[in-house]
Amino acid sequence: MGCPTPTRASEGTPPRRRLGLSGLILCVLALAGLPAPATAQIGPAGPSAPVTPDVRIQRFLAVGNLAFPAVRRPSLTAGALWQLSLSPIRTVMEDGMQVRRPPSWYLHTLATGGLSFDSDPSKTDPAVGIGAFGQVGVVRRIDPSMVSSAGVALQAMLGPRGIGPVLRVELLDNIGIQLGWMTFANNKRKDGLFLSIDALRCILEDLGLGPCLTGE
């Protein structure tokens, strides 16, 4: 799917890249045309059929992140991803059977912290410092395939400090890839492309504390 890249600011505005909000909107519209998640059959309907409440699905995963924020030297961070379906699971009747239709759209949030190996643009040598990322956006779950979800988010970061839109794609629910454009607060830092890769892990289940996916 093609998403337009942000354009330069017009004359009379500060010499910074626009956040590309129009591009984000077009990406969301493109995602709406992707296949929806598969339905799940519960059982036959009837007076004794169990009533299944419609609930929202939550996803909570640990994240390890390798990012290249418009520089050659990377940032290494770790944190958590939390997603919440924008609508509850729907229980409907199809051919005399109760069928559960999972939601397609999710609120997406992500927060990580760690080390940045190029945090100070005023130094010629690599400057190791604190690196952090935060994201808020929407993703659409896709019918079971190699690409399990795709969406857009607004990202803020430290080390160096910047903000910008990103396109996020998840592969097999285990790998997240993000590509976007970062606008930096420091005038010595050139704005540019942002690329990062996430490794997702369900720490809660590994520790026996609970499921990573609730509501199903």
C-alpha atoms as a PDB file:
ATOM      1  CA  MET A   1       0.000   0.000   0.000  1.00  0.00           C
ATOM      2  CA  GLY A   2       1.356   3.428  -0.854  1.00  0.00           C
ATOM      3  CA  CYS A   3       1.383   6.166   1.766  1.00  0.00           C
ATOM      4  CA  PRO A   4       2.302   9.726   0.769  1.00  0.00           C
ATOM      5  CA  THR A   5       5.431  11.152   2.354  1.00  0.00           C
ATOM      6  CA  PRO A   6       5.342  14.424   4.273  1.00  0.00           C
ATOM      7  CA  THR A   7       5.996  17.548   2.225  1.00  0.00           C
ATOM      8  CA  ARG A   8       8.205  20.524   3.004  1.00  0.00           C
ATOM      9  CA  ALA A   9       6.693  23.467   4.799  1.00  0.00           C
ATOM     10  CA  SER A  10       5.548  26.296   2.583  1.00  0.00           C
ATOM     11  CA  GLU A  11       7.225  29.698   2.540  1.00  0.00           C
ATOM     12  CA  GLY A  12       6.558  31.782   5.612  1.00  0.00           C
ATOM     13  CA  THR A  13       6.467  28.747   7.912  1.00  0.00           C
ATOM     14  CA  PRO A  14       9.390  27.478  10.060  1.00  0.00           C
ATOM     15  CA  PRO A  15      11.918  25.366   8.073  1.00  0.00           C
ATOM     16  CA  ARG A  16      10.661  22.041   9.464  1.00  0.00           C
ATOM     17  CA  ARG A  17       8.943  19.072   7.907  1.00  0.00           C
ATOM     18  CA  ARG A  18       5.184  18.853   8.366  1.00  0.00           C
ATOM     19  CA  LEU A  19       3.918  15.877  10.316  1.00  0.00           C
ATOM     20  CA  GLY A  20       2.033  14.597   7.270  1.00  0.00           C
ATOM     21  CA  LEU A  21      -1.394  14.272   8.881  1.00  0.00           C
ATOM     22  CA  SER A  22      -3.038  14.056   5.474  1.00  0.00           C
ATOM     23  CA  GLY A  23      -0.795  11.085   4.692  1.00  0.00           C
ATOM     24  CA  LEU A  24      -1.844   9.355   7.917  1.00  0.00           C
ATOM     25  CA  ILE A  25      -5.521   9.791   7.040  1.00  0.00           C
ATOM     26  CA  LEU A  26      -4.996   8.293   3.581  1.00  0.00           C
ATOM     27  CA  CYS A  27      -3.144   5.341   5.109  1.00  0.00           C
ATOM     28  CA  VAL A  28      -6.023   4.652   7.521  1.00  0.00           C
ATOM     29  CA  LEU A  29      -8.488   4.694   4.615  1.00  0.00           C
ATOM     30  CA  ALA A  30      -6.297   2.229   2.729  1.00  0.00           C
ATOM     31  CA  LEU A  31      -6.159  -0.094   5.759  1.00  0.00           C
ATOM     32  CA  ALA A  32      -9.965  -0.170   5.920  1.00  0.00           C
ATOM     33  CA  GLY A  33     -10.005  -2.203   2.693  1.00  0.00           C
ATOM     34  CA  LEU A  34      -7.888  -5.069   4.067  1.00  0.00           C
ATOM     35  CA  PRO A  35      -9.481  -8.446   4.994  1.00  0.00           C
ATOM     36  CA  ALA A  36     -11.051  -8.567   8.454  1.00  0.00           C
ATOM     37  CA  PRO A  37     -10.027 -11.129  11.124  1.00  0.00           C
ATOM     38  CA  ALA A  38     -11.630 -14.561  10.834  1.00  0.00           C
ATOM     39  CA  THR A  39     -14.820 -15.326  12.773  1.00  0.00           C
ATOM     40  CA  ALA A  40     -15.029 -17.987  15.481  1.00  0.00           C
ATOM     41  CA  GLN A  41     -17.976 -20.398  15.759  1.00  0.00           C
ATOM     42  CA  ILE A  42     -19.337 -20.960  19.267  1.00  0.00           C
ATOM     43  CA  GLY A  43     -22.152 -23.491  18.941  1.00  0.00           C
ATOM     44  CA  PRO A  44     -25.816 -24.032  18.105  1.00  0.00           C
ATOM     45  CA  ALA A  45     -28.401 -21.496  19.152  1.00  0.00           C
ATOM     46  CA  GLY A  46     -31.382 -22.394  21.300  1.00  0.00           C
ATOM     47  CA  PRO A  47     -32.999 -21.828  24.689  1.00  0.00           C
ATOM     48  CA  SER A  48     -30.084 -23.557  26.439  1.00  0.00           C
ATOM     49  CA  ALA A  49     -27.330 -21.930  24.366  1.00  0.00           C
ATOM     50  CA  PRO A  50     -24.817 -20.058  26.557  1.00  0.00           C
ATOM     51  CA  VAL A  51     -24.896 -16.284  26.407  1.00  0.00           C
ATOM     52  CA  THR A  52     -21.448 -14.982  25.500  1.00  0.00           C
ATOM     53  CA  PRO A  53     -20.804 -11.396  26.593  1.00  0.00           C
ATOM     54  CA  ASP A  54     -19.374  -8.992  24.048  1.00  0.00           C
ATOM     55  CA  VAL A  55     -16.058  -7.708  25.421  1.00  0.00           C
ATOM     56  CA  ARG A  56     -13.126  -5.717  24.095  1.00  0.00           C
ATOM     57  CA  ILE A  57      -9.875  -7.461  23.255  1.00  0.00           C
ATOM     58  CA  GLN A  58      -6.645  -6.303  24.888  1.00  0.00           C
ATOM     59  CA  ARG A  59      -3.110  -7.152  23.806  1.00  0.00           C
ATOM     60  CA  PHE A  60      -0.141  -6.674  26.155  1.00  0.00           C
ATOM     61  CA  LEU A  61       3.379  -7.651  25.057  1.00  0.00           C
ATOM     62  CA  ALA A  62       6.981  -6.966  26.014  1.00  0.00           C
ATOM     63  CA  VAL A  63       8.999  -5.219  23.294  1.00  0.00           C
ATOM     64  CA  GLY A  64      12.687  -5.155  22.381  1.00  0.00           C
ATOM     65  CA  ASN A  65      13.458  -2.412  19.855  1.00  0.00           C
ATOM     66  CA  LEU A  66      16.345  -1.607  17.507  1.00  0.00           C
ATOM     67  CA  ALA A  67      15.862   1.821  15.894  1.00  0.00           C
ATOM     68  CA  PHE A  68      17.724   4.050  13.455  1.00  0.00           C
ATOM     69  CA  PRO A  69      16.270   7.553  14.004  1.00  0.00           C
ATOM     70  CA  ALA A  70      17.550   9.324  10.859  1.00  0.00           C
ATOM     71  CA  VAL A  71      21.127   8.467  11.876  1.00  0.00           C
ATOM     72  CA  ARG A  72      23.548   5.602  11.258  1.00  0.00           C
ATOM     73  CA  ARG A  73      24.068   4.881  14.953  1.00  0.00           C
ATOM     74  CA  PRO A  74      21.160   2.970  16.511  1.00  0.00           C
ATOM     75  CA  SER A  75      19.106   3.121  19.678  1.00  0.00           C
ATOM     76  CA  LEU A  76      18.487  -0.012  21.745  1.00  0.00           C
ATOM     77  CA  THR A  77      15.397   0.086  23.947  1.00  0.00           C
ATOM     78  CA  ALA A  78      12.923  -2.217  25.700  1.00  0.00           C
ATOM     79  CA  GLY A  79       9.417  -1.685  27.002  1.00  0.00           C
ATOM     80  CA  ALA A  80       5.817  -2.694  26.430  1.00  0.00           C
ATOM     81  CA  LEU A  81       3.083  -2.651  23.784  1.00  0.00           C
ATOM     82  CA  TRP A  82      -0.614  -2.346  24.696  1.00  0.00           C
ATOM     83  CA  GLN A  83      -3.494  -2.498  22.236  1.00  0.00           C
ATOM     84  CA  LEU A  84      -7.234  -2.248  22.889  1.00  0.00           C
ATOM     85  CA  SER A  85      -9.956  -3.005  20.356  1.00  0.00           C
ATOM     86  CA  LEU A  86     -12.050   0.042  19.500  1.00  0.00           C
ATOM     87  CA  SER A  87     -15.220  -2.076  19.518  1.00  0.00           C
ATOM     88  CA  PRO A  88     -16.196  -5.255  21.398  1.00  0.00           C
ATOM     89  CA  ILE A  89     -16.412  -8.748  19.963  1.00  0.00           C
ATOM     90  CA  ARG A  90     -19.809  -9.184  18.273  1.00  0.00           C
ATOM     91  CA  THR A  91     -21.846 -12.348  18.782  1.00  0.00           C
ATOM     92  CA  VAL A  92     -24.174 -12.870  15.807  1.00  0.00           C
ATOM     93  CA  MET A  93     -26.378 -15.644  14.424  1.00  0.00           C
ATOM     94  CA  GLU A  94     -25.393 -17.350  11.172  1.00  0.00           C
ATOM     95  CA  ASP A  95     -27.258 -20.453   9.920  1.00  0.00           C
ATOM     96  CA  GLY A  96     -28.531 -21.252  13.397  1.00  0.00           C
ATOM     97  CA  MET A  97     -25.105 -20.981  14.981  1.00  0.00           C
ATOM     98  CA  GLN A  98     -23.634 -18.399  17.342  1.00  0.00           C
ATOM     99  CA  VAL A  99     -20.603 -16.842  15.690  1.00  0.00           C
ATOM    100  CA  ARG A 100     -18.150 -14.430  17.287  1.00  0.00           C
ATOM    101  CA  ARG A 101     -16.772 -11.717  15.053  1.00  0.00           C
ATOM    102  CA  PRO A 102     -13.563 -10.191  16.433  1.00  0.00           C
ATOM    103  CA  PRO A 103     -13.013  -6.455  15.971  1.00  0.00           C
ATOM    104  CA  SER A 104     -10.648  -5.175  13.300  1.00  0.00           C
ATOM    105  CA  TRP A 105      -9.489  -1.787  14.649  1.00  0.00           C
ATOM    106  CA  TYR A 106      -7.329  -1.316  17.739  1.00  0.00           C
ATOM    107  CA  LEU A 107      -5.915   1.583  19.721  1.00  0.00           C
ATOM    108  CA  HIS A 108      -2.142   1.110  19.641  1.00  0.00           C
ATOM    109  CA  THR A 109       0.299   2.347  22.286  1.00  0.00           C
ATOM    110  CA  LEU A 110       3.972   1.568  22.779  1.00  0.00           C
ATOM    111  CA  ALA A 111       6.612   2.862  25.207  1.00  0.00           C
ATOM    112  CA  THR A 112      10.282   1.845  25.403  1.00  0.00           C
ATOM    113  CA  GLY A 113      13.440   3.140  27.033  1.00  0.00           C
ATOM    114  CA  GLY A 114      17.140   2.330  26.849  1.00  0.00           C
ATOM    115  CA  LEU A 115      20.314   3.622  25.216  1.00  0.00           C
ATOM    116  CA  SER A 116      20.913   5.919  22.256  1.00  0.00           C
ATOM    117  CA  PHE A 117      24.333   5.844  20.620  1.00  0.00           C
ATOM    118  CA  ASP A 118      23.926   9.218  18.918  1.00  0.00           C
ATOM    119  CA  SER A 119      22.081  11.354  21.451  1.00  0.00           C
ATOM    120  CA  ASP A 120      24.117  14.580  21.129  1.00  0.00           C
ATOM    121  CA  PRO A 121      24.420  16.117  17.624  1.00  0.00           C
ATOM    122  CA  SER A 122      26.972  18.724  18.833  1.00  0.00           C
ATOM    123  CA  LYS A 123      29.653  16.038  19.307  1.00  0.00           C
ATOM    124  CA  THR A 124      31.584  14.408  16.483  1.00  0.00           C
ATOM    125  CA  ASP A 125      32.192  11.212  18.463  1.00  0.00           C
ATOM    126  CA  PRO A 126      29.278   8.888  19.302  1.00  0.00           C
ATOM    127  CA  ALA A 127      27.481  10.195  22.385  1.00  0.00           C
ATOM    128  CA  VAL A 128      25.853   7.443  24.420  1.00  0.00           C
ATOM    129  CA  GLY A 129      22.816   8.653  26.333  1.00  0.00           C
ATOM    130  CA  ILE A 130      19.230   7.885  27.235  1.00  0.00           C
ATOM    131  CA  GLY A 131      16.956   6.849  24.404  1.00  0.00           C
ATOM    132  CA  ALA A 132      13.170   6.532  24.639  1.00  0.00           C
ATOM    133  CA  PHE A 133      10.205   6.129  22.294  1.00  0.00           C
ATOM    134  CA  GLY A 134       6.458   6.563  22.718  1.00  0.00           C
ATOM    135  CA  GLN A 135       3.701   5.844  20.188  1.00  0.00           C
ATOM    136  CA  VAL A 136      -0.054   6.409  19.975  1.00  0.00           C
ATOM    137  CA  GLY A 137      -2.055   5.363  16.926  1.00  0.00           C
ATOM    138  CA  VAL A 138      -4.453   2.863  15.365  1.00  0.00           C
ATOM    139  CA  VAL A 139      -3.803  -0.534  13.783  1.00  0.00           C
ATOM    140  CA  ARG A 140      -6.018  -2.903  11.842  1.00  0.00           C
ATOM    141  CA  ARG A 141      -5.871  -6.630  12.428  1.00  0.00           C
ATOM    142  CA  ILE A 142      -5.787  -8.584   9.172  1.00  0.00           C
ATOM    143  CA  ASP A 143      -7.198 -11.982   8.237  1.00  0.00           C
ATOM    144  CA  PRO A 144      -4.586 -14.633   9.229  1.00  0.00           C
ATOM    145  CA  SER A 145      -1.560 -14.178   7.006  1.00  0.00           C
ATOM    146  CA  MET A 146       2.122 -13.329   7.281  1.00  0.00           C
ATOM    147  CA  VAL A 147       1.148  -9.688   7.860  1.00  0.00           C
ATOM    148  CA  SER A 148      -0.972  -9.837  11.027  1.00  0.00           C
ATOM    149  CA  SER A 149      -1.671  -6.101  11.412  1.00  0.00           C
ATOM    150  CA  ALA A 150      -0.869  -2.699   9.932  1.00  0.00           C
ATOM    151  CA  GLY A 151      -1.496   0.852  11.058  1.00  0.00           C
ATOM    152  CA  VAL A 152      -0.251   4.373  11.642  1.00  0.00           C
ATOM    153  CA  ALA A 153       0.973   6.157  14.758  1.00  0.00           C
ATOM    154  CA  LEU A 154       2.411   9.432  15.993  1.00  0.00           C
ATOM    155  CA  GLN A 155       5.786   8.875  17.619  1.00  0.00           C
ATOM    156  CA  ALA A 156       7.784  11.002  20.044  1.00  0.00           C
ATOM    157  CA  MET A 157      11.363  10.210  21.003  1.00  0.00           C
ATOM    158  CA  LEU A 158      14.279  11.266  23.195  1.00  0.00           C
ATOM    159  CA  GLY A 159      17.955  10.897  22.341  1.00  0.00           C
ATOM    160  CA  PRO A 160      17.647  12.853  20.084  1.00  0.00           C
ATOM    161  CA  ARG A 161      14.371  14.664  20.788  1.00  0.00           C
ATOM    162  CA  GLY A 162      11.934  14.500  17.884  1.00  0.00           C
ATOM    163  CA  ILE A 163       8.412  13.734  16.706  1.00  0.00           C
ATOM    164  CA  GLY A 164       6.810  12.388  13.544  1.00  0.00           C
ATOM    165  CA  PRO A 165       4.390   9.935  11.877  1.00  0.00           C
ATOM    166  CA  VAL A 166       5.231   6.251  11.401  1.00  0.00           C
ATOM    167  CA  LEU A 167       3.693   3.366   9.482  1.00  0.00           C
ATOM    168  CA  ARG A 168       3.664   0.141  11.553  1.00  0.00           C
ATOM    169  CA  VAL A 169       3.395  -3.427  10.246  1.00  0.00           C
ATOM    170  CA  GLU A 170       3.435  -6.621  12.343  1.00  0.00           C
ATOM    171  CA  LEU A 171       4.573  -9.958  10.927  1.00  0.00           C
ATOM    172  CA  LEU A 172       3.153 -13.179  12.435  1.00  0.00           C
ATOM    173  CA  ASP A 173       2.337 -11.280  15.673  1.00  0.00           C
ATOM    174  CA  ASN A 174       6.024 -11.485  16.636  1.00  0.00           C
ATOM    175  CA  ILE A 175       7.926  -8.838  14.658  1.00  0.00           C
ATOM    176  CA  GLY A 176       7.036  -5.159  14.310  1.00  0.00           C
ATOM    177  CA  ILE A 177       8.502  -2.972  11.564  1.00  0.00           C
ATOM    178  CA  GLN A 178       8.107   0.811  11.609  1.00  0.00           C
ATOM    179  CA  LEU A 179       9.002   3.338   8.947  1.00  0.00           C
ATOM    180  CA  GLY A 180       8.372   7.055   9.249  1.00  0.00           C
ATOM    181  CA  TRP A 181       9.728  10.579   9.202  1.00  0.00           C
ATOM    182  CA  MET A 182      11.188  12.313  12.245  1.00  0.00           C
ATOM    183  CA  THR A 183      11.381  16.068  12.799  1.00  0.00           C
ATOM    184  CA  PHE A 184      14.029  16.960  15.410  1.00  0.00           C
ATOM    185  CA  ALA A 185      13.973  19.852  17.863  1.00  0.00           C
ATOM    186  CA  ASN A 186      17.721  20.545  17.589  1.00  0.00           C
ATOM    187  CA  ASN A 187      18.656  22.684  14.569  1.00  0.00           C
ATOM    188  CA  LYS A 188      21.943  20.778  14.225  1.00  0.00           C
ATOM    189  CA  ARG A 189      20.047  17.560  13.589  1.00  0.00           C
ATOM    190  CA  LYS A 190      18.697  16.990  10.095  1.00  0.00           C
ATOM    191  CA  ASP A 191      15.158  15.638   9.783  1.00  0.00           C
ATOM    192  CA  GLY A 192      14.960  12.281   8.065  1.00  0.00           C
ATOM    193  CA  LEU A 193      13.646   8.754   7.748  1.00  0.00           C
ATOM    194  CA  PHE A 194      13.025   6.623  10.822  1.00  0.00           C
ATOM    195  CA  LEU A 195      13.341   2.826  10.767  1.00  0.00           C
ATOM    196  CA  SER A 196      12.908   0.392  13.648  1.00  0.00           C
ATOM    197  CA  ILE A 197      12.321  -3.307  14.279  1.00  0.00           C
ATOM    198  CA  ASP A 198      10.468  -4.713  17.302  1.00  0.00           C
ATOM    199  CA  ALA A 199      10.716  -8.194  18.758  1.00  0.00           C
ATOM    200  CA  LEU A 200       7.473  -8.976  20.625  1.00  0.00           C
ATOM    201  CA  ARG A 201       7.240 -11.393  23.539  1.00  0.00           C
ATOM    202  CA  CYS A 202       4.501 -12.450  25.950  1.00  0.00           C
ATOM    203  CA  ILE A 203       6.317 -12.128  29.273  1.00  0.00           C
ATOM    204  CA  LEU A 204       3.077 -12.455  31.295  1.00  0.00           C
ATOM    205  CA  GLU A 205       2.419 -15.984  30.031  1.00  0.00           C
ATOM    206  CA  ASP A 206       6.086 -16.939  30.433  1.00  0.00           C
ATOM    207  CA  LEU A 207       5.944 -15.914  34.108  1.00  0.00           C
ATOM    208  CA  GLY A 208       2.527 -17.511  34.661  1.00  0.00           C
ATOM    209  CA  LEU A 209       0.944 -14.164  35.517  1.00  0.00           C
ATOM    210  CA  GLY A 210      -1.786 -14.145  32.883  1.00  0.00           C
ATOM    211  CA  PRO A 211      -2.525 -14.163  29.162  1.00  0.00           C
ATOM    212  CA  CYS A 212      -1.180 -11.630  26.676  1.00  0.00           C
ATOM    213  CA  LEU A 213      -4.490 -11.545  24.821  1.00  0.00           C
ATOM    214  CA  THR A 214      -7.671 -11.033  26.855  1.00  0.00           C
ATOM    215  CA  GLY A 215     -11.282 -10.821  25.774  1.00  0.00           C
ATOM    216  CA  GLU A 216     -11.411 -13.769  23.370  1.00  0.00           C
END
